[in-house]
PDB file of N, CA and C in Angstrom:
ATOM      1  N   THR A   1     -31.424  19.148 -10.618  1.00  0.00           N
ATOM      2  CA  THR A   1     -32.954  19.397 -10.812  1.00  0.00           C
ATOM      3  C   THR A   1     -33.333  20.637 -10.221  1.00  0.00           C
ATOM      4  N   LYS A   2     -32.865  21.110  -9.306  1.00  0.00           N
ATOM      5  CA  LYS A   2     -33.608  22.426  -8.682  1.00  0.00           C
ATOM      6  C   LYS A   2     -33.147  23.659  -9.613  1.00  0.00           C
ATOM      7  N   ARG A   3     -31.863  23.407 -10.211  1.00  0.00           N
ATOM      8  CA  ARG A   3     -31.509  24.801 -11.323  1.00  0.00           C
ATOM      9  C   ARG A   3     -32.433  24.509 -12.549  1.00  0.00           C
ATOM     10  N   LEU A   4     -32.796  23.479 -12.798  1.00  0.00           N
ATOM     11  CA  LEU A   4     -33.712  23.073 -13.929  1.00  0.00           C
ATOM     12  C   LEU A   4     -35.126  23.753 -13.619  1.00  0.00           C
ATOM     13  N   VAL A   5     -35.586  23.457 -12.529  1.00  0.00           N
ATOM     14  CA  VAL A   5     -37.034  24.017 -12.215  1.00  0.00           C
ATOM     15  C   VAL A   5     -36.788  25.498 -12.167  1.00  0.00           C
ATOM     16  N   GLU A   6     -35.937  25.954 -11.459  1.00  0.00           N
ATOM     17  CA  GLU A   6     -35.669  27.319 -11.354  1.00  0.00           C
ATOM     18  C   GLU A   6     -35.622  28.208 -12.907  1.00  0.00           C
ATOM     19  N   ALA A   7     -35.091  27.195 -13.745  1.00  0.00           N
ATOM     20  CA  ALA A   7     -34.855  27.966 -15.144  1.00  0.00           C
ATOM     21  C   ALA A   7     -36.132  27.492 -16.034  1.00  0.00           C
ATOM     22  N   GLY A   8     -37.081  26.935 -15.383  1.00  0.00           N
ATOM     23  CA  GLY A   8     -38.319  26.507 -16.194  1.00  0.00           C
ATOM     24  C   GLY A   8     -38.299  25.589 -17.098  1.00  0.00           C
ATOM     25  N   ALA A   9     -37.291  24.710 -16.937  1.00  0.00           N
ATOM     26  CA  ALA A   9     -37.085  23.755 -18.128  1.00  0.00           C
ATOM     27  C   ALA A   9     -38.153  22.462 -17.587  1.00  0.00           C
ATOM     28  N   SER A  10     -38.387  21.673 -18.839  1.00  0.00           N
ATOM     29  CA  SER A  10     -39.021  20.659 -18.770  1.00  0.00           C
ATOM     30  C   SER A  10     -38.491  19.592 -19.796  1.00  0.00           C
ATOM     31  N   GLY A  11     -38.821  18.358 -19.377  1.00  0.00           N
ATOM     32  CA  GLY A  11     -38.388  17.241 -20.204  1.00  0.00           C
ATOM     33  C   GLY A  11     -37.286  16.314 -19.583  1.00  0.00           C
ATOM     34  N   LEU A  12     -36.792  15.578 -20.602  1.00  0.00           N
ATOM     35  CA  LEU A  12     -35.578  14.801 -20.346  1.00  0.00           C
ATOM     36  C   LEU A  12     -34.186  15.182 -20.398  1.00  0.00           C
ATOM     37  N   PHE A  13     -33.328  15.226 -19.518  1.00  0.00           N
ATOM     38  CA  PHE A  13     -32.018  16.008 -19.537  1.00  0.00           C
ATOM     39  C   PHE A  13     -31.065  14.794 -19.048  1.00  0.00           C
ATOM     40  N   ASN A  14     -29.901  14.631 -20.040  1.00  0.00           N
ATOM     41  CA  ASN A  14     -28.660  14.110 -19.843  1.00  0.00           C
ATOM     42  C   ASN A  14     -27.784  14.793 -18.746  1.00  0.00           C
ATOM     43  N   VAL A  15     -27.384  14.162 -17.608  1.00  0.00           N
ATOM     44  CA  VAL A  15     -26.358  14.878 -16.743  1.00  0.00           C
ATOM     45  C   VAL A  15     -25.294  13.961 -16.685  1.00  0.00           C
ATOM     46  N   GLY A  16     -23.942  14.673 -16.918  1.00  0.00           N
ATOM     47  CA  GLY A  16     -22.756  13.756 -16.647  1.00  0.00           C
ATOM     48  C   GLY A  16     -21.751  14.674 -16.380  1.00  0.00           C
ATOM     49  N   GLY A  17     -20.385  14.047 -16.357  1.00  0.00           N
ATOM     50  CA  GLY A  17     -19.301  14.674 -16.191  1.00  0.00           C
ATOM     51  C   GLY A  17     -18.580  15.251 -17.164  1.00  0.00           C
ATOM     52  N   PRO A  18     -17.654  16.117 -17.380  1.00  0.00           N
ATOM     53  CA  PRO A  18     -16.877  16.525 -18.522  1.00  0.00           C
ATOM     54  C   PRO A  18     -16.200  15.469 -19.061  1.00  0.00           C
ATOM     55  N   GLU A  19     -15.827  14.275 -18.627  1.00  0.00           N
ATOM     56  CA  GLU A  19     -14.894  13.429 -19.043  1.00  0.00           C
ATOM     57  C   GLU A  19     -15.516  12.041 -19.488  1.00  0.00           C
ATOM     58  N   PRO A  20     -15.413  11.666 -20.722  1.00  0.00           N
ATOM     59  CA  PRO A  20     -15.800  10.474 -21.252  1.00  0.00           C
ATOM     60  C   PRO A  20     -15.015   9.458 -20.696  1.00  0.00           C
ATOM     61  N   LEU A  21     -15.413   8.430 -19.759  1.00  0.00           N
ATOM     62  CA  LEU A  21     -14.756   7.310 -19.353  1.00  0.00           C
ATOM     63  C   LEU A  21     -15.208   6.132 -19.620  1.00  0.00           C
ATOM     64  N   GLY A  22     -14.253   5.266 -19.554  1.00  0.00           N
ATOM     65  CA  GLY A  22     -14.695   3.548 -19.558  1.00  0.00           C
ATOM     66  C   GLY A  22     -14.925   3.128 -18.022  1.00  0.00           C
ATOM     67  N   ARG A  23     -15.306   2.015 -17.972  1.00  0.00           N
ATOM     68  CA  ARG A  23     -15.557   1.543 -16.622  1.00  0.00           C
ATOM     69  C   ARG A  23     -14.212   1.495 -15.689  1.00  0.00           C
ATOM     70  N   VAL A  24     -13.131   1.110 -16.494  1.00  0.00           N
ATOM     71  CA  VAL A  24     -11.765   0.730 -15.563  1.00  0.00           C
ATOM     72  C   VAL A  24     -11.367   2.327 -15.297  1.00  0.00           C
ATOM     73  N   ALA A  25     -11.269   3.103 -16.254  1.00  0.00           N
ATOM     74  CA  ALA A  25     -10.840   4.512 -15.823  1.00  0.00           C
ATOM     75  C   ALA A  25     -11.570   5.031 -14.851  1.00  0.00           C
ATOM     76  N   PHE A  26     -12.942   4.994 -14.776  1.00  0.00           N
ATOM     77  CA  PHE A  26     -13.808   5.598 -13.917  1.00  0.00           C
ATOM     78  C   PHE A  26     -13.615   5.012 -12.547  1.00  0.00           C
ATOM     79  N   ALA A  27     -13.169   3.572 -12.253  1.00  0.00           N
ATOM     80  CA  ALA A  27     -12.981   2.994 -11.062  1.00  0.00           C
ATOM     81  C   ALA A  27     -11.884   3.527 -10.773  1.00  0.00           C
ATOM     82  N   GLU A  28     -10.713   3.643 -11.560  1.00  0.00           N
ATOM     83  CA  GLU A  28      -9.392   4.249 -11.068  1.00  0.00           C
ATOM     84  C   GLU A  28      -9.365   5.608 -10.634  1.00  0.00           C
ATOM     85  N   LYS A  29     -10.318   6.407 -11.297  1.00  0.00           N
ATOM     86  CA  LYS A  29     -10.353   7.959 -10.775  1.00  0.00           C
ATOM     87  C   LYS A  29     -11.106   8.037  -9.501  1.00  0.00           C
ATOM     88  N   VAL A  30     -12.244   7.041  -8.990  1.00  0.00           N
ATOM     89  CA  VAL A  30     -12.675   6.950  -7.891  1.00  0.00           C
ATOM     90  C   VAL A  30     -11.860   6.526  -6.878  1.00  0.00           C
ATOM     91  N   ILE A  31     -10.770   5.612  -7.135  1.00  0.00           N
ATOM     92  CA  ILE A  31      -9.988   5.140  -5.910  1.00  0.00           C
ATOM     93  C   ILE A  31      -8.843   6.370  -5.728  1.00  0.00           C
ATOM     94  N   THR A  32      -8.666   7.047  -6.813  1.00  0.00           N
ATOM     95  CA  THR A  32      -7.363   8.084  -6.680  1.00  0.00           C
ATOM     96  C   THR A  32      -8.319   9.231  -6.098  1.00  0.00           C
ATOM     97  N   ALA A  33      -9.249   9.678  -6.400  1.00  0.00           N
ATOM     98  CA  ALA A  33     -10.102  10.783  -5.673  1.00  0.00           C
ATOM     99  C   ALA A  33     -10.249  10.520  -4.242  1.00  0.00           C
ATOM    100  N   LEU A  34     -10.419   9.260  -3.788  1.00  0.00           N
ATOM    101  CA  LEU A  34     -10.946   9.011  -2.274  1.00  0.00           C
ATOM    102  C   LEU A  34      -9.587   8.982  -1.562  1.00  0.00           C
ATOM    103  N   GLY A  35      -8.395   8.870  -2.570  1.00  0.00           N
ATOM    104  CA  GLY A  35      -6.978   9.121  -1.644  1.00  0.00           C
ATOM    105  C   GLY A  35      -6.738   8.469  -0.553  1.00  0.00           C
ATOM    106  N   GLY A  36      -7.187   7.591  -0.434  1.00  0.00           N
ATOM    107  CA  GLY A  36      -6.890   6.683   1.044  1.00  0.00           C
ATOM    108  C   GLY A  36      -7.822   6.978   2.047  1.00  0.00           C
ATOM    109  N   ARG A  37      -8.805   7.791   1.735  1.00  0.00           N
ATOM    110  CA  ARG A  37      -9.771   7.943   2.999  1.00  0.00           C
ATOM    111  C   ARG A  37     -10.556   6.873   2.799  1.00  0.00           C
ATOM    112  N   ARG A  38     -10.820   5.949   1.915  1.00  0.00           N
ATOM    113  CA  ARG A  38     -11.480   4.701   2.294  1.00  0.00           C
ATOM    114  C   ARG A  38     -10.775   3.427   1.729  1.00  0.00           C
ATOM    115  N   PRO A  39     -10.631   2.297   2.422  1.00  0.00           N
ATOM    116  CA  PRO A  39      -9.949   1.209   2.307  1.00  0.00           C
ATOM    117  C   PRO A  39     -10.256   0.597   0.751  1.00  0.00           C
ATOM    118  N   LEU A  40      -9.611   0.855  -0.278  1.00  0.00           N
ATOM    119  CA  LEU A  40      -9.872   0.387  -1.581  1.00  0.00           C
ATOM    120  C   LEU A  40      -8.726   0.077  -2.200  1.00  0.00           C
ATOM    121  N   ASP A  41      -8.678  -1.188  -2.767  1.00  0.00           N
ATOM    122  CA  ASP A  41      -7.380  -1.685  -3.563  1.00  0.00           C
ATOM    123  C   ASP A  41      -7.395  -1.770  -4.907  1.00  0.00           C
ATOM    124  N   ALA A  42      -6.635  -0.806  -5.415  1.00  0.00           N
ATOM    125  CA  ALA A  42      -6.989  -0.524  -7.049  1.00  0.00           C
ATOM    126  C   ALA A  42      -6.253  -1.882  -7.813  1.00  0.00           C
ATOM    127  N   GLY A  43      -5.589  -2.739  -7.155  1.00  0.00           N
ATOM    128  CA  GLY A  43      -5.283  -4.036  -7.755  1.00  0.00           C
ATOM    129  C   GLY A  43      -6.405  -4.988  -7.956  1.00  0.00           C
ATOM    130  N   LEU A  44      -7.730  -4.601  -7.324  1.00  0.00           N
ATOM    131  CA  LEU A  44      -8.674  -5.626  -7.654  1.00  0.00           C
ATOM    132  C   LEU A  44      -9.363  -5.093  -9.110  1.00  0.00           C
ATOM    133  N   ILE A  45      -9.074  -3.961  -9.477  1.00  0.00           N
ATOM    134  CA  ILE A  45      -9.583  -3.724 -10.616  1.00  0.00           C
ATOM    135  C   ILE A  45      -9.291  -4.464 -11.947  1.00  0.00           C
ATOM    136  N   LYS A  46      -9.957  -5.296 -12.693  1.00  0.00           N
ATOM    137  CA  LYS A  46      -9.362  -6.023 -13.601  1.00  0.00           C
ATOM    138  C   LYS A  46     -10.211  -5.899 -14.811  1.00  0.00           C
ATOM    139  N   PRO A  47      -9.523  -5.277 -15.821  1.00  0.00           N
ATOM    140  CA  PRO A  47     -10.250  -4.848 -17.206  1.00  0.00           C
ATOM    141  C   PRO A  47     -10.653  -6.330 -17.692  1.00  0.00           C
ATOM    142  N   VAL A  48     -11.927  -6.174 -18.253  1.00  0.00           N
ATOM    143  CA  VAL A  48     -12.395  -7.158 -18.891  1.00  0.00           C
ATOM    144  C   VAL A  48     -12.640  -7.046 -20.444  1.00  0.00           C
ATOM    145  N   GLU A  49     -12.279  -7.775 -21.345  1.00  0.00           N
ATOM    146  CA  GLU A  49     -12.686  -7.664 -22.719  1.00  0.00           C
ATOM    147  C   GLU A  49     -14.197  -7.769 -23.025  1.00  0.00           C
ATOM    148  N   THR A  50     -14.887  -6.960 -23.585  1.00  0.00           N
ATOM    149  CA  THR A  50     -16.120  -6.894 -23.765  1.00  0.00           C
ATOM    150  C   THR A  50     -16.745  -8.324 -24.274  1.00  0.00           C
ATOM    151  N   VAL A  51     -16.242  -9.058 -24.973  1.00  0.00           N
ATOM    152  CA  VAL A  51     -16.577 -10.344 -25.565  1.00  0.00           C
ATOM    153  C   VAL A  51     -16.696 -11.517 -24.397  1.00  0.00           C
ATOM    154  N   ASN A  52     -15.716 -10.942 -23.277  1.00  0.00           N
ATOM    155  CA  ASN A  52     -15.872 -12.093 -22.102  1.00  0.00           C
ATOM    156  C   ASN A  52     -16.554 -11.688 -21.035  1.00  0.00           C
ATOM    157  N   ALA A  53     -17.238 -10.551 -21.074  1.00  0.00           N
ATOM    158  CA  ALA A  53     -17.800 -10.137 -20.089  1.00  0.00           C
ATOM    159  C   ALA A  53     -19.394 -10.737 -19.606  1.00  0.00           C
ATOM    160  N   GLY A  54     -19.771 -11.713 -20.658  1.00  0.00           N
ATOM    161  CA  GLY A  54     -20.990 -12.350 -20.462  1.00  0.00           C
ATOM    162  C   GLY A  54     -22.142 -11.552 -20.250  1.00  0.00           C
ATOM    163  N   GLN A  55     -22.300 -10.342 -21.064  1.00  0.00           N
ATOM    164  CA  GLN A  55     -23.355  -9.579 -21.079  1.00  0.00           C
ATOM    165  C   GLN A  55     -24.352  -9.833 -22.108  1.00  0.00           C
ATOM    166  N   ALA A  56     -25.788  -9.718 -21.786  1.00  0.00           N
ATOM    167  CA  ALA A  56     -26.528 -10.114 -22.788  1.00  0.00           C
ATOM    168  C   ALA A  56     -26.864  -9.266 -23.949  1.00  0.00           C
ATOM    169  N   ALA A  57     -26.204  -8.039 -24.001  1.00  0.00           N
ATOM    170  CA  ALA A  57     -26.293  -7.118 -25.312  1.00  0.00           C
ATOM    171  C   ALA A  57     -24.709  -6.679 -25.333  1.00  0.00           C
ATOM    172  N   CYS A  58     -24.579  -6.328 -26.479  1.00  0.00           N
ATOM    173  CA  CYS A  58     -23.261  -5.521 -26.517  1.00  0.00           C
ATOM    174  C   CYS A  58     -23.031  -4.232 -26.224  1.00  0.00           C
ATOM    175  N   ARG A  59     -22.203  -3.868 -25.419  1.00  0.00           N
ATOM    176  CA  ARG A  59     -21.991  -2.493 -24.894  1.00  0.00           C
ATOM    177  C   ARG A  59     -20.870  -1.653 -25.698  1.00  0.00           C
ATOM    178  N   PRO A  60     -20.765  -0.463 -25.708  1.00  0.00           N
ATOM    179  CA  PRO A  60     -19.885   0.378 -26.202  1.00  0.00           C
ATOM    180  C   PRO A  60     -18.370   0.343 -25.485  1.00  0.00           C
ATOM    181  N   LEU A  61     -17.338   0.457 -25.923  1.00  0.00           N
ATOM    182  CA  LEU A  61     -16.182   0.513 -25.135  1.00  0.00           C
ATOM    183  C   LEU A  61     -16.109   1.764 -24.214  1.00  0.00           C
ATOM    184  N   ALA A  62     -16.591   2.964 -24.784  1.00  0.00           N
ATOM    185  CA  ALA A  62     -16.721   4.230 -24.415  1.00  0.00           C
ATOM    186  C   ALA A  62     -17.770   4.785 -24.580  1.00  0.00           C
ATOM    187  N   SER A  63     -18.515   5.635 -23.760  1.00  0.00           N
ATOM    188  CA  SER A  63     -19.705   6.266 -24.181  1.00  0.00           C
ATOM    189  C   SER A  63     -19.573   7.385 -23.204  1.00  0.00           C
ATOM    190  N   GLY A  64     -20.632   8.124 -23.593  1.00  0.00           N
ATOM    191  CA  GLY A  64     -20.770   9.586 -22.982  1.00  0.00           C
ATOM    192  C   GLY A  64     -22.206  10.089 -23.107  1.00  0.00           C
ATOM    193  N   LEU A  65     -22.621  11.127 -22.412  1.00  0.00           N
ATOM    194  CA  LEU A  65     -23.943  11.786 -22.946  1.00  0.00           C
ATOM    195  C   LEU A  65     -23.711  13.115 -23.362  1.00  0.00           C
ATOM    196  N   LYS A  66     -24.590  13.549 -24.285  1.00  0.00           N
ATOM    197  CA  LYS A  66     -24.427  14.821 -24.790  1.00  0.00           C
ATOM    198  C   LYS A  66     -25.416  15.801 -23.765  1.00  0.00           C
ATOM    199  N   LEU A  67     -24.764  17.013 -23.680  1.00  0.00           N
ATOM    200  CA  LEU A  67     -25.070  17.770 -22.514  1.00  0.00           C
ATOM    201  C   LEU A  67     -25.603  19.235 -23.097  1.00  0.00           C
ATOM    202  N   ASP A  68     -25.740  19.269 -24.606  1.00  0.00           N
ATOM    203  CA  ASP A  68     -26.339  20.237 -25.201  1.00  0.00           C
ATOM    204  C   ASP A  68     -27.388  21.008 -24.592  1.00  0.00           C
ATOM    205  N   LYS A  69     -28.435  20.142 -24.445  1.00  0.00           N
ATOM    206  CA  LYS A  69     -29.703  20.629 -23.826  1.00  0.00           C
ATOM    207  C   LYS A  69     -29.674  21.102 -22.607  1.00  0.00           C
ATOM    208  N   LEU A  70     -29.241  20.581 -21.783  1.00  0.00           N
ATOM    209  CA  LEU A  70     -28.667  20.932 -20.457  1.00  0.00           C
ATOM    210  C   LEU A  70     -28.075  22.246 -20.584  1.00  0.00           C
ATOM    211  N   ARG A  71     -26.961  22.404 -21.156  1.00  0.00           N
ATOM    212  CA  ARG A  71     -26.097  23.667 -21.227  1.00  0.00           C
ATOM    213  C   ARG A  71     -26.963  24.687 -21.780  1.00  0.00           C
ATOM    214  N   ALA A  72     -27.804  24.461 -22.656  1.00  0.00           N
ATOM    215  CA  ALA A  72     -28.718  25.509 -23.372  1.00  0.00           C
ATOM    216  C   ALA A  72     -29.549  26.100 -22.040  1.00  0.00           C
ATOM    217  N   ALA A  73     -30.493  25.149 -21.314  1.00  0.00           N
ATOM    218  CA  ALA A  73     -31.227  25.328 -20.331  1.00  0.00           C
ATOM    219  C   ALA A  73     -30.648  26.220 -18.991  1.00  0.00           C
ATOM    220  N   ILE A  74     -29.414  25.846 -18.772  1.00  0.00           N
ATOM    221  CA  ILE A  74     -28.706  26.354 -17.719  1.00  0.00           C
ATOM    222  C   ILE A  74     -27.233  27.026 -18.255  1.00  0.00           C
ATOM    223  N   PRO A  75     -27.203  27.916 -18.961  1.00  0.00           N
ATOM    224  CA  PRO A  75     -25.856  28.402 -19.615  1.00  0.00           C
ATOM    225  C   PRO A  75     -24.647  28.494 -18.470  1.00  0.00           C
ATOM    226  N   ASP A  76     -24.710  28.845 -17.391  1.00  0.00           N
ATOM    227  CA  ASP A  76     -23.827  29.038 -16.437  1.00  0.00           C
ATOM    228  C   ASP A  76     -23.338  27.730 -15.752  1.00  0.00           C
ATOM    229  N   TRP A  77     -23.680  26.567 -15.959  1.00  0.00           N
ATOM    230  CA  TRP A  77     -23.829  25.340 -15.430  1.00  0.00           C
ATOM    231  C   TRP A  77     -22.747  24.539 -16.068  1.00  0.00           C
ATOM    232  N   ALA A  78     -21.794  24.034 -15.379  1.00  0.00           N
ATOM    233  CA  ALA A  78     -20.574  23.183 -15.319  1.00  0.00           C
ATOM    234  C   ALA A  78     -20.445  22.078 -14.932  1.00  0.00           C
ATOM    235  N   PRO A  79     -20.324  20.890 -15.637  1.00  0.00           N
ATOM    236  CA  PRO A  79     -20.110  19.628 -15.008  1.00  0.00           C
ATOM    237  C   PRO A  79     -18.972  19.714 -14.124  1.00  0.00           C
ATOM    238  N   ARG A  80     -18.979  18.745 -13.031  1.00  0.00           N
ATOM    239  CA  ARG A  80     -17.717  18.495 -12.106  1.00  0.00           C
ATOM    240  C   ARG A  80     -16.847  17.239 -12.761  1.00  0.00           C
ATOM    241  N   SER A  81     -15.846  17.260 -12.295  1.00  0.00           N
ATOM    242  CA  SER A  81     -14.899  15.973 -12.742  1.00  0.00           C
ATOM    243  C   SER A  81     -15.181  14.928 -11.437  1.00  0.00           C
ATOM    244  N   VAL A  82     -14.849  13.869 -11.880  1.00  0.00           N
ATOM    245  CA  VAL A  82     -15.073  12.619 -10.789  1.00  0.00           C
ATOM    246  C   VAL A  82     -14.577  13.217  -9.614  1.00  0.00           C
ATOM    247  N   ALA A  83     -13.282  13.498  -9.565  1.00  0.00           N
ATOM    248  CA  ALA A  83     -12.837  13.917  -8.178  1.00  0.00           C
ATOM    249  C   ALA A  83     -13.291  15.158  -7.427  1.00  0.00           C
ATOM    250  N   GLU A  84     -13.822  16.292  -8.307  1.00  0.00           N
ATOM    251  CA  GLU A  84     -14.785  17.125  -7.488  1.00  0.00           C
ATOM    252  C   GLU A  84     -16.115  16.531  -6.946  1.00  0.00           C
ATOM    253  N   ALA A  85     -16.601  15.797  -7.650  1.00  0.00           N
ATOM    254  CA  ALA A  85     -17.878  15.119  -7.195  1.00  0.00           C
ATOM    255  C   ALA A  85     -17.683  14.202  -6.048  1.00  0.00           C
ATOM    256  N   ILE A  86     -16.663  13.523  -6.083  1.00  0.00           N
ATOM    257  CA  ILE A  86     -16.226  12.775  -4.759  1.00  0.00           C
ATOM    258  C   ILE A  86     -15.914  13.681  -3.495  1.00  0.00           C
ATOM    259  N   ASP A  87     -15.153  14.585  -3.755  1.00  0.00           N
ATOM    260  CA  ASP A  87     -14.996  15.618  -2.594  1.00  0.00           C
ATOM    261  C   ASP A  87     -16.175  16.155  -2.181  1.00  0.00           C
ATOM    262  N   ASP A  88     -17.246  16.490  -2.894  1.00  0.00           N
ATOM    263  CA  ASP A  88     -18.437  17.084  -2.432  1.00  0.00           C
ATOM    264  C   ASP A  88     -19.046  15.867  -1.802  1.00  0.00           C
ATOM    265  N   TRP A  89     -19.142  14.887  -2.151  1.00  0.00           N
ATOM    266  CA  TRP A  89     -19.997  13.726  -1.521  1.00  0.00           C
ATOM    267  C   TRP A  89     -19.376  13.267  -0.262  1.00  0.00           C
ATOM    268  N   LEU A  90     -17.854  13.379   0.059  1.00  0.00           N
ATOM    269  CA  LEU A  90     -17.420  13.089   1.065  1.00  0.00           C
ATOM    270  C   LEU A  90     -17.558  14.404   2.294  1.00  0.00           C
ATOM    271  N   ALA A  91     -17.658  15.578   1.574  1.00  0.00           N
ATOM    272  CA  ALA A  91     -17.907  16.898   2.552  1.00  0.00           C
ATOM    273  C   ALA A  91     -19.295  16.978   3.056  1.00  0.00           C
ATOM    274  N   ASN A  92     -20.410  16.214   2.121  1.00  0.00           N
ATOM    275  CA  ASN A  92     -21.823  16.261   2.283  1.00  0.00           C
ATOM    276  C   ASN A  92     -22.452  14.804   2.132  1.00  0.00           C
ATOM    277  N   PRO A  93     -22.089  14.023   2.853  1.00  0.00           N
ATOM    278  CA  PRO A  93     -22.600  12.779   2.902  1.00  0.00           C
ATOM    279  C   PRO A  93     -24.215  12.403   3.001  1.00  0.00           C
ATOM    280  N   HIS A  94     -24.786  13.338   3.527  1.00  0.00           N
ATOM    281  CA  HIS A  94     -26.267  13.390   3.465  1.00  0.00           C
ATOM    282  C   HIS A  94     -26.728  14.200   2.593  1.00  0.00           C
ATOM    283  N   GLY A  95     -26.043  14.787   1.562  1.00  0.00           N
ATOM    284  CA  GLY A  95     -26.505  15.596   0.668  1.00  0.00           C
ATOM    285  C   GLY A  95     -26.675  17.177   1.152  1.00  0.00           C
ATOM    286  N   LYS A  96     -27.249  18.053   0.304  1.00  0.00           N
ATOM    287  CA  LYS A  96     -27.380  19.322   0.637  1.00  0.00           C
ATOM    288  C   LYS A  96     -28.705  19.867   0.739  1.00  0.00           C
ATOM    289  N   SER A  97     -29.061  20.823   1.200  1.00  0.00           N
ATOM    290  CA  SER A  97     -30.319  21.528   1.675  1.00  0.00           C
ATOM    291  C   SER A  97     -30.774  22.141   0.037  1.00  0.00           C
ATOM    292  N   LEU A  98     -31.981  22.184  -0.128  1.00  0.00           N
ATOM    293  CA  LEU A  98     -32.152  22.788  -1.620  1.00  0.00           C
ATOM    294  C   LEU A  98     -31.885  24.253  -1.520  1.00  0.00           C
ATOM    295  N   GLY A  99     -31.683  24.837  -0.331  1.00  0.00           N
ATOM    296  CA  GLY A  99     -31.313  26.305  -0.524  1.00  0.00           C
ATOM    297  C   GLY A  99     -29.784  26.619  -0.849  1.00  0.00           C
ATOM    298  N   GLU A 100     -29.000  25.219  -0.832  1.00  0.00           N
ATOM    299  CA  GLU A 100     -27.547  25.683  -1.221  1.00  0.00           C
ATOM    300  C   GLU A 100     -27.145  25.249  -2.672  1.00  0.00           C
TER     301      GLU A 100
END
């Protein structure tokens, strides 16, 4: 948000990581990135077929966000991987100041 304001951008922007991931793959990456720092059991992740998920509306098996508008507004911006984002979250559990 800070970088978009500094760039004078306005409107709605998609922000996501560089990897299109399904829900199971995302959960597995989170557990791997935490690397034993949190007591998580990967065996608890159970894939469920979409037809058996009991959702009110159909969901795509994999989806992602187009980041073209964001990259045009902030050309030197690059999305972080799940592992990089989790490492940053663990190092800064209360966030960062606006000056960082």
